[in-house]
N, C-alpha and C. Protein backbone atom coordinates (compact mmCIF):
# COMPACT_ATOMS: atom_id res chain seq x y z
N MET A 1 16.03 -5.63 17.95
CA MET A 1 15.98 -4.85 19.15
C MET A 1 15.09 -5.53 20.19
N LYS A 2 13.94 -6.10 19.75
CA LYS A 2 13.06 -6.78 20.69
C LYS A 2 13.78 -7.96 21.33
N LEU A 3 14.53 -8.70 20.51
CA LEU A 3 15.23 -9.87 21.01
C LEU A 3 16.27 -9.46 22.05
N SER A 4 17.03 -8.40 21.79
CA SER A 4 18.06 -7.99 22.74
C SER A 4 17.45 -7.51 24.05
N LEU A 5 16.31 -6.84 23.99
CA LEU A 5 15.64 -6.42 25.22
C LEU A 5 15.14 -7.63 26.00
N TRP A 6 14.64 -8.61 25.29
CA TRP A 6 14.14 -9.81 25.93
C TRP A 6 15.29 -10.57 26.59
N VAL A 7 16.41 -10.71 25.88
CA VAL A 7 17.57 -11.40 26.43
C VAL A 7 18.07 -10.67 27.68
N LEU A 8 18.13 -9.36 27.61
CA LEU A 8 18.56 -8.57 28.76
C LEU A 8 17.63 -8.79 29.95
N ALA A 9 16.33 -8.76 29.71
CA ALA A 9 15.36 -8.96 30.79
C ALA A 9 15.48 -10.37 31.36
N LEU A 10 15.64 -11.35 30.50
CA LEU A 10 15.76 -12.73 30.95
C LEU A 10 17.02 -12.93 31.79
N SER A 11 18.14 -12.36 31.33
CA SER A 11 19.38 -12.50 32.09
C SER A 11 19.26 -11.80 33.44
N PHE A 12 18.57 -10.69 33.50
CA PHE A 12 18.35 -10.01 34.77
C PHE A 12 17.55 -10.90 35.71
N LEU A 13 16.48 -11.52 35.19
CA LEU A 13 15.66 -12.40 36.03
C LEU A 13 16.47 -13.59 36.53
N ILE A 14 17.24 -14.17 35.64
CA ILE A 14 18.05 -15.33 36.03
C ILE A 14 19.06 -14.91 37.09
N HIS A 15 19.73 -13.81 36.86
CA HIS A 15 20.75 -13.31 37.78
C HIS A 15 20.14 -13.00 39.14
N SER A 16 19.03 -12.28 39.15
CA SER A 16 18.44 -11.87 40.42
C SER A 16 17.85 -13.05 41.17
N SER A 17 17.27 -14.03 40.48
CA SER A 17 16.68 -15.17 41.19
C SER A 17 17.77 -16.08 41.74
N THR A 18 18.92 -16.14 41.08
CA THR A 18 20.01 -16.99 41.56
C THR A 18 20.55 -16.46 42.88
N TYR A 19 20.71 -15.16 42.96
CA TYR A 19 21.31 -14.59 44.15
C TYR A 19 20.28 -14.18 45.20
N ALA A 20 19.01 -14.04 44.83
CA ALA A 20 18.00 -13.62 45.78
C ALA A 20 17.76 -14.69 46.83
N ASN A 21 17.75 -15.96 46.40
CA ASN A 21 17.50 -17.01 47.39
C ASN A 21 18.80 -17.60 47.92
N GLY A 22 19.93 -17.08 47.48
CA GLY A 22 21.21 -17.49 47.99
C GLY A 22 21.70 -18.84 47.49
N SER A 23 21.03 -19.42 46.54
CA SER A 23 21.46 -20.73 46.07
C SER A 23 21.83 -20.66 44.60
N ASN A 24 22.51 -21.67 44.15
CA ASN A 24 22.85 -21.79 42.74
C ASN A 24 22.04 -22.90 42.09
N ASP A 25 20.84 -23.13 42.62
CA ASP A 25 19.97 -24.16 42.06
C ASP A 25 19.65 -23.85 40.61
N GLU A 26 19.30 -24.91 39.90
CA GLU A 26 18.94 -24.74 38.48
C GLU A 26 17.72 -23.82 38.36
N ILE A 27 17.80 -22.93 37.41
CA ILE A 27 16.70 -22.00 37.17
C ILE A 27 15.61 -22.74 36.41
N VAL A 28 14.39 -22.63 36.90
CA VAL A 28 13.26 -23.27 36.23
C VAL A 28 12.53 -22.19 35.44
N MET A 29 12.37 -22.44 34.14
CA MET A 29 11.70 -21.47 33.28
C MET A 29 10.19 -21.55 33.51
N PRO A 30 9.48 -20.47 33.24
CA PRO A 30 8.03 -20.48 33.39
C PRO A 30 7.41 -21.59 32.52
N PRO A 31 6.26 -22.11 32.90
CA PRO A 31 5.67 -23.23 32.18
C PRO A 31 5.30 -22.91 30.73
N ASP A 32 5.09 -21.66 30.39
CA ASP A 32 4.72 -21.33 29.01
C ASP A 32 5.94 -21.18 28.11
N TRP A 33 7.14 -21.45 28.62
CA TRP A 33 8.36 -21.32 27.82
C TRP A 33 8.44 -22.38 26.75
N ASN A 34 8.02 -23.58 27.00
CA ASN A 34 7.97 -24.70 26.05
C ASN A 34 9.33 -25.04 25.44
N GLY A 35 10.41 -24.64 26.04
CA GLY A 35 11.72 -25.01 25.54
C GLY A 35 12.11 -24.38 24.21
N GLN A 36 11.40 -23.38 23.76
CA GLN A 36 11.71 -22.74 22.49
C GLN A 36 12.91 -21.82 22.66
N ASP A 37 13.56 -21.52 21.53
CA ASP A 37 14.69 -20.60 21.57
C ASP A 37 14.25 -19.17 21.83
N LEU A 38 13.08 -18.83 21.35
CA LEU A 38 12.56 -17.48 21.51
C LEU A 38 11.18 -17.54 22.16
N PRO A 39 10.80 -16.51 22.86
CA PRO A 39 9.45 -16.50 23.43
C PRO A 39 8.42 -16.32 22.32
N PRO A 40 7.17 -16.63 22.62
CA PRO A 40 6.13 -16.42 21.60
C PRO A 40 6.06 -14.95 21.21
N GLU A 41 5.63 -14.70 19.98
CA GLU A 41 5.60 -13.33 19.43
C GLU A 41 4.79 -12.38 20.32
N ASP A 42 3.69 -12.89 20.90
CA ASP A 42 2.84 -12.00 21.71
C ASP A 42 3.45 -11.71 23.08
N ALA A 43 4.62 -12.26 23.37
CA ALA A 43 5.28 -11.98 24.65
C ALA A 43 5.98 -10.62 24.64
N TYR A 44 6.17 -10.05 23.47
CA TYR A 44 6.86 -8.76 23.39
C TYR A 44 5.91 -7.63 23.76
N ILE A 45 6.45 -6.68 24.45
CA ILE A 45 5.69 -5.48 24.79
C ILE A 45 6.38 -4.32 24.11
N ASP A 46 5.61 -3.60 23.29
CA ASP A 46 6.21 -2.49 22.56
C ASP A 46 5.36 -1.25 22.76
N ASP A 47 5.80 -0.37 23.63
CA ASP A 47 5.06 0.85 23.90
C ASP A 47 5.49 1.99 22.99
N PHE A 48 6.40 1.74 22.08
CA PHE A 48 6.96 2.81 21.28
C PHE A 48 6.37 2.78 19.88
N GLU A 49 5.09 3.14 19.76
CA GLU A 49 4.42 3.13 18.46
C GLU A 49 5.14 3.99 17.44
N GLU A 50 5.68 5.13 17.89
CA GLU A 50 6.33 6.03 16.95
C GLU A 50 7.61 5.45 16.38
N SER A 51 8.17 4.43 17.01
CA SER A 51 9.40 3.84 16.50
C SER A 51 9.13 2.78 15.43
N ARG A 52 7.88 2.38 15.27
CA ARG A 52 7.55 1.39 14.26
C ARG A 52 7.61 2.03 12.88
N PRO A 53 8.08 1.27 11.90
CA PRO A 53 8.14 1.85 10.55
C PRO A 53 6.75 2.10 10.02
N THR A 54 6.61 3.18 9.31
CA THR A 54 5.33 3.49 8.70
C THR A 54 5.40 3.14 7.22
N THR A 55 4.27 2.76 6.67
CA THR A 55 4.23 2.43 5.25
C THR A 55 3.79 3.65 4.47
N ASN A 56 4.11 3.66 3.22
CA ASN A 56 3.68 4.76 2.36
C ASN A 56 2.41 4.39 1.61
N GLU A 57 1.67 3.43 2.16
CA GLU A 57 0.43 3.02 1.54
C GLU A 57 -0.58 4.16 1.66
N PRO A 58 -1.23 4.49 0.55
CA PRO A 58 -2.24 5.54 0.61
C PRO A 58 -3.49 5.04 1.34
N ASP A 59 -4.25 5.97 1.86
CA ASP A 59 -5.51 5.66 2.52
C ASP A 59 -6.58 5.64 1.44
N CYS A 60 -6.88 4.44 0.92
CA CYS A 60 -7.80 4.31 -0.21
C CYS A 60 -8.91 3.32 0.12
N ARG A 61 -10.04 3.47 -0.56
CA ARG A 61 -11.14 2.52 -0.42
C ARG A 61 -11.59 2.10 -1.81
N PRO A 62 -11.97 0.84 -1.97
CA PRO A 62 -12.39 0.36 -3.29
C PRO A 62 -13.59 1.15 -3.81
N TYR A 63 -13.58 1.44 -5.10
CA TYR A 63 -14.68 2.19 -5.70
C TYR A 63 -15.37 1.39 -6.80
N GLU A 64 -14.61 0.93 -7.79
CA GLU A 64 -15.24 0.14 -8.85
C GLU A 64 -14.22 -0.70 -9.60
N LYS A 65 -14.76 -1.70 -10.29
CA LYS A 65 -13.94 -2.55 -11.14
C LYS A 65 -14.48 -2.45 -12.56
N GLY A 66 -13.59 -2.58 -13.52
CA GLY A 66 -14.02 -2.52 -14.92
C GLY A 66 -12.82 -2.49 -15.84
N LYS A 67 -13.04 -2.04 -17.05
CA LYS A 67 -11.98 -2.00 -18.05
C LYS A 67 -11.40 -0.60 -18.15
N ALA A 68 -10.08 -0.57 -18.33
CA ALA A 68 -9.36 0.69 -18.51
C ALA A 68 -8.72 0.71 -19.89
N SER A 69 -8.66 1.90 -20.44
CA SER A 69 -7.92 2.12 -21.68
C SER A 69 -7.04 3.33 -21.42
N TYR A 70 -6.33 3.77 -22.47
CA TYR A 70 -5.54 4.98 -22.24
C TYR A 70 -5.59 5.90 -23.45
N TYR A 71 -5.35 7.18 -23.14
CA TYR A 71 -5.41 8.25 -24.13
C TYR A 71 -4.39 8.04 -25.23
N ALA A 72 -4.78 8.42 -26.43
CA ALA A 72 -3.83 8.42 -27.55
C ALA A 72 -2.88 9.60 -27.39
N ASP A 73 -1.64 9.41 -27.78
CA ASP A 73 -0.66 10.49 -27.70
C ASP A 73 -1.04 11.67 -28.60
N SER A 74 -1.87 11.42 -29.58
CA SER A 74 -2.28 12.51 -30.49
C SER A 74 -3.11 13.57 -29.75
N LEU A 75 -3.60 13.25 -28.56
CA LEU A 75 -4.38 14.22 -27.78
C LEU A 75 -3.51 15.13 -26.91
N THR A 76 -2.20 14.95 -26.96
CA THR A 76 -1.28 15.76 -26.16
C THR A 76 -1.55 17.25 -26.39
N ASP A 77 -1.61 17.98 -25.28
CA ASP A 77 -1.83 19.43 -25.23
C ASP A 77 -3.27 19.84 -25.51
N ASN A 78 -4.17 18.91 -25.85
CA ASN A 78 -5.59 19.26 -25.97
C ASN A 78 -6.13 19.54 -24.57
N PRO A 79 -7.06 20.48 -24.45
CA PRO A 79 -7.59 20.79 -23.12
C PRO A 79 -8.44 19.63 -22.58
N THR A 80 -8.29 19.35 -21.27
CA THR A 80 -9.13 18.37 -20.60
C THR A 80 -10.34 19.10 -20.01
N SER A 81 -11.25 18.36 -19.41
CA SER A 81 -12.44 18.98 -18.81
C SER A 81 -12.10 19.93 -17.68
N SER A 82 -10.96 19.73 -17.05
CA SER A 82 -10.54 20.62 -15.96
C SER A 82 -9.88 21.90 -16.49
N GLY A 83 -9.62 21.93 -17.79
CA GLY A 83 -8.94 23.07 -18.38
C GLY A 83 -7.44 22.86 -18.55
N GLU A 84 -6.89 21.85 -17.89
CA GLU A 84 -5.47 21.55 -18.02
C GLU A 84 -5.21 20.90 -19.39
N PRO A 85 -4.10 21.18 -19.99
CA PRO A 85 -3.77 20.47 -21.23
C PRO A 85 -3.39 19.02 -20.91
N TYR A 86 -3.78 18.09 -21.79
CA TYR A 86 -3.43 16.68 -21.58
C TYR A 86 -1.93 16.51 -21.73
N ASN A 87 -1.32 15.90 -20.72
CA ASN A 87 0.11 15.60 -20.74
C ASN A 87 0.28 14.11 -20.50
N PRO A 88 0.73 13.35 -21.49
CA PRO A 88 0.86 11.90 -21.33
C PRO A 88 1.89 11.49 -20.29
N ASN A 89 2.73 12.41 -19.85
CA ASN A 89 3.79 12.10 -18.88
C ASN A 89 3.39 12.38 -17.43
N LEU A 90 2.12 12.71 -17.20
CA LEU A 90 1.62 12.94 -15.84
C LEU A 90 0.69 11.80 -15.45
N LEU A 91 0.52 11.60 -14.16
CA LEU A 91 -0.39 10.57 -13.66
C LEU A 91 -1.80 11.15 -13.56
N THR A 92 -2.51 11.10 -14.69
CA THR A 92 -3.86 11.65 -14.77
C THR A 92 -4.78 10.62 -15.42
N ALA A 93 -6.10 10.91 -15.35
CA ALA A 93 -7.08 9.99 -15.93
C ALA A 93 -8.39 10.72 -16.17
N ALA A 94 -9.23 10.07 -16.97
CA ALA A 94 -10.59 10.56 -17.22
C ALA A 94 -11.57 9.56 -16.61
N HIS A 95 -12.60 10.09 -15.95
CA HIS A 95 -13.65 9.26 -15.36
C HIS A 95 -14.98 9.93 -15.62
N LYS A 96 -16.03 9.13 -15.79
CA LYS A 96 -17.34 9.70 -16.13
C LYS A 96 -17.99 10.46 -14.99
N THR A 97 -17.82 9.99 -13.74
CA THR A 97 -18.60 10.57 -12.64
C THR A 97 -17.80 11.12 -11.46
N LEU A 98 -16.59 10.66 -11.25
CA LEU A 98 -15.82 11.16 -10.11
C LEU A 98 -15.54 12.65 -10.27
N PRO A 99 -15.60 13.41 -9.20
CA PRO A 99 -15.32 14.84 -9.30
C PRO A 99 -13.92 15.10 -9.82
N LEU A 100 -13.79 16.14 -10.63
CA LEU A 100 -12.47 16.52 -11.13
C LEU A 100 -11.58 16.86 -9.92
N GLY A 101 -10.34 16.41 -9.98
CA GLY A 101 -9.42 16.62 -8.87
C GLY A 101 -9.35 15.45 -7.91
N THR A 102 -10.26 14.48 -8.04
CA THR A 102 -10.22 13.29 -7.17
C THR A 102 -8.93 12.53 -7.41
N ILE A 103 -8.34 12.04 -6.33
CA ILE A 103 -7.12 11.23 -6.42
C ILE A 103 -7.52 9.76 -6.28
N VAL A 104 -7.05 8.94 -7.21
CA VAL A 104 -7.38 7.52 -7.20
C VAL A 104 -6.10 6.69 -7.29
N ARG A 105 -6.26 5.43 -6.92
CA ARG A 105 -5.23 4.41 -7.16
C ARG A 105 -5.86 3.43 -8.14
N VAL A 106 -5.13 3.08 -9.19
CA VAL A 106 -5.62 2.14 -10.18
C VAL A 106 -4.70 0.92 -10.15
N CYS A 107 -5.30 -0.26 -10.03
CA CYS A 107 -4.53 -1.51 -9.97
C CYS A 107 -5.01 -2.46 -11.06
N ASN A 108 -4.07 -3.25 -11.59
CA ASN A 108 -4.49 -4.26 -12.56
C ASN A 108 -5.33 -5.31 -11.82
N ALA A 109 -5.96 -6.20 -12.59
CA ALA A 109 -6.96 -7.12 -12.03
C ALA A 109 -6.44 -7.94 -10.85
N ASP A 110 -5.21 -8.42 -10.91
CA ASP A 110 -4.69 -9.23 -9.80
C ASP A 110 -3.98 -8.38 -8.74
N ARG A 111 -4.04 -7.08 -8.90
CA ARG A 111 -3.47 -6.10 -7.96
C ARG A 111 -1.96 -6.26 -7.79
N SER A 112 -1.30 -6.84 -8.79
CA SER A 112 0.16 -6.99 -8.71
C SER A 112 0.87 -5.69 -9.09
N GLN A 113 0.19 -4.81 -9.81
CA GLN A 113 0.76 -3.50 -10.15
C GLN A 113 -0.30 -2.44 -9.94
N CYS A 114 0.09 -1.40 -9.21
CA CYS A 114 -0.82 -0.29 -8.94
C CYS A 114 -0.12 1.02 -9.25
N VAL A 115 -0.90 2.04 -9.57
CA VAL A 115 -0.35 3.36 -9.79
C VAL A 115 -1.12 4.34 -8.89
N TYR A 116 -0.35 5.20 -8.20
CA TYR A 116 -0.91 6.18 -7.28
C TYR A 116 0.10 7.31 -7.14
N PRO A 117 -0.29 8.54 -7.06
CA PRO A 117 -1.63 9.11 -7.14
C PRO A 117 -1.99 9.45 -8.58
N VAL A 118 -3.17 9.10 -8.98
CA VAL A 118 -3.68 9.45 -10.30
C VAL A 118 -4.79 10.48 -10.10
N LYS A 119 -4.64 11.61 -10.76
CA LYS A 119 -5.60 12.71 -10.60
C LYS A 119 -6.63 12.67 -11.72
N ILE A 120 -7.92 12.69 -11.35
CA ILE A 120 -8.99 12.76 -12.35
C ILE A 120 -9.08 14.20 -12.83
N ASN A 121 -8.76 14.41 -14.12
CA ASN A 121 -8.80 15.78 -14.65
C ASN A 121 -9.61 15.88 -15.94
N ASP A 122 -10.32 14.80 -16.30
CA ASP A 122 -11.08 14.82 -17.55
C ASP A 122 -12.29 13.91 -17.43
N ARG A 123 -13.20 14.02 -18.38
CA ARG A 123 -14.39 13.18 -18.45
C ARG A 123 -14.19 12.11 -19.51
N GLY A 124 -14.74 10.96 -19.28
CA GLY A 124 -14.64 9.83 -20.20
C GLY A 124 -14.41 8.59 -19.39
N PRO A 125 -14.16 7.49 -19.98
CA PRO A 125 -14.15 7.21 -21.41
C PRO A 125 -15.57 7.11 -21.96
N PHE A 126 -15.69 7.37 -23.23
CA PHE A 126 -17.00 7.34 -23.87
C PHE A 126 -17.16 6.11 -24.75
N VAL A 127 -16.60 5.01 -24.27
CA VAL A 127 -16.73 3.71 -24.94
C VAL A 127 -17.42 2.78 -23.96
N ALA A 128 -18.45 2.09 -24.40
CA ALA A 128 -19.22 1.20 -23.53
C ALA A 128 -18.32 0.17 -22.85
N GLY A 129 -18.54 -0.04 -21.56
CA GLY A 129 -17.81 -1.06 -20.82
C GLY A 129 -16.51 -0.59 -20.20
N ARG A 130 -16.10 0.63 -20.46
CA ARG A 130 -14.86 1.13 -19.87
C ARG A 130 -15.17 2.08 -18.73
N VAL A 131 -14.36 1.99 -17.65
CA VAL A 131 -14.61 2.83 -16.48
C VAL A 131 -13.63 3.97 -16.33
N ILE A 132 -12.44 3.85 -16.94
CA ILE A 132 -11.43 4.88 -16.76
C ILE A 132 -10.51 4.91 -17.98
N ASP A 133 -10.10 6.12 -18.37
CA ASP A 133 -9.09 6.34 -19.41
C ASP A 133 -7.85 6.88 -18.72
N LEU A 134 -6.72 6.23 -18.90
CA LEU A 134 -5.49 6.62 -18.21
C LEU A 134 -4.54 7.36 -19.13
N SER A 135 -3.74 8.25 -18.57
CA SER A 135 -2.65 8.86 -19.33
C SER A 135 -1.64 7.75 -19.66
N ARG A 136 -0.76 8.01 -20.60
CA ARG A 136 0.23 7.00 -20.98
C ARG A 136 1.07 6.56 -19.78
N LYS A 137 1.53 7.53 -18.98
CA LYS A 137 2.37 7.19 -17.83
C LYS A 137 1.61 6.34 -16.82
N SER A 138 0.36 6.67 -16.54
CA SER A 138 -0.45 5.89 -15.62
C SER A 138 -0.65 4.47 -16.15
N ALA A 139 -0.96 4.38 -17.44
CA ALA A 139 -1.22 3.08 -18.07
C ALA A 139 0.01 2.18 -18.03
N ARG A 140 1.15 2.73 -18.39
CA ARG A 140 2.38 1.92 -18.40
C ARG A 140 2.76 1.45 -17.01
N SER A 141 2.40 2.22 -15.99
CA SER A 141 2.73 1.85 -14.61
C SER A 141 2.05 0.56 -14.17
N ILE A 142 0.94 0.21 -14.81
CA ILE A 142 0.25 -1.03 -14.44
C ILE A 142 0.32 -2.08 -15.56
N GLY A 143 1.16 -1.83 -16.56
CA GLY A 143 1.35 -2.81 -17.62
C GLY A 143 0.39 -2.68 -18.79
N LEU A 144 -0.33 -1.58 -18.86
CA LEU A 144 -1.26 -1.35 -19.97
C LEU A 144 -0.50 -0.63 -21.09
N THR A 145 -0.30 -1.31 -22.21
CA THR A 145 0.44 -0.75 -23.34
C THR A 145 -0.40 -0.84 -24.60
N LYS A 146 0.11 -0.31 -25.70
CA LYS A 146 -0.61 -0.40 -26.96
C LYS A 146 -0.92 -1.84 -27.33
N GLN A 147 0.03 -2.73 -27.03
CA GLN A 147 -0.17 -4.14 -27.36
C GLN A 147 -1.32 -4.74 -26.56
N VAL A 148 -1.47 -4.30 -25.33
CA VAL A 148 -2.55 -4.82 -24.48
C VAL A 148 -3.85 -4.13 -24.84
N GLY A 149 -3.83 -2.82 -24.98
CA GLY A 149 -5.00 -2.05 -25.39
C GLY A 149 -5.99 -1.74 -24.29
N VAL A 150 -6.62 -2.76 -23.72
CA VAL A 150 -7.62 -2.60 -22.67
C VAL A 150 -7.29 -3.61 -21.58
N MET A 151 -7.52 -3.22 -20.33
CA MET A 151 -7.16 -4.10 -19.21
C MET A 151 -8.22 -3.99 -18.12
N ARG A 152 -8.49 -5.09 -17.43
CA ARG A 152 -9.39 -5.06 -16.27
C ARG A 152 -8.63 -4.45 -15.10
N VAL A 153 -9.28 -3.52 -14.42
CA VAL A 153 -8.65 -2.80 -13.31
C VAL A 153 -9.60 -2.64 -12.14
N THR A 154 -9.03 -2.24 -11.04
CA THR A 154 -9.78 -1.80 -9.86
C THR A 154 -9.43 -0.34 -9.61
N VAL A 155 -10.44 0.48 -9.40
CA VAL A 155 -10.24 1.90 -9.10
C VAL A 155 -10.58 2.12 -7.64
N ASP A 156 -9.65 2.68 -6.89
CA ASP A 156 -9.85 3.00 -5.48
C ASP A 156 -9.80 4.51 -5.31
N ILE A 157 -10.70 5.05 -4.51
CA ILE A 157 -10.67 6.49 -4.19
C ILE A 157 -9.77 6.68 -2.98
N CYS A 158 -8.89 7.66 -3.03
CA CYS A 158 -7.91 7.87 -1.95
C CYS A 158 -8.07 9.23 -1.30
N ASN A 159 -7.77 9.24 -0.01
CA ASN A 159 -7.72 10.51 0.73
C ASN A 159 -6.31 11.07 0.56
N GLU A 160 -6.22 12.37 0.44
CA GLU A 160 -4.89 12.98 0.27
C GLU A 160 -4.24 13.21 1.60
């Protein structure tokens, strides 16, 4: 769309300058044209912010890095610290200090896989060196499986 508007504007300028001075002299392009097929990217003017695509990226800020593990399926239906029963098929997690109900994004170490929204609904993990315990669904979303066991992650706190 930007290109078609630019072409339309350019053809208008060419057309009007040809007939405005009454001659068919060769049109001289502005000096910053540099003979390129397209104008420089910053030459576009876009006043229609609302027409730009929006991303579904959550509004998150980095909180901590460390090791993540995940809940055993044998804990299914046991009460969590929030009172909710543990459901391995939900995006939930346990954290030692974040307030219950906090929404986080958890990413593997190279940030190639992230899971969001993960709701903190329990306390833990109670193993030294671990920062978060993930539900099975949350863990699998970032590649953490029984075979992997523990994974380095980044935890980001997100605004809802």
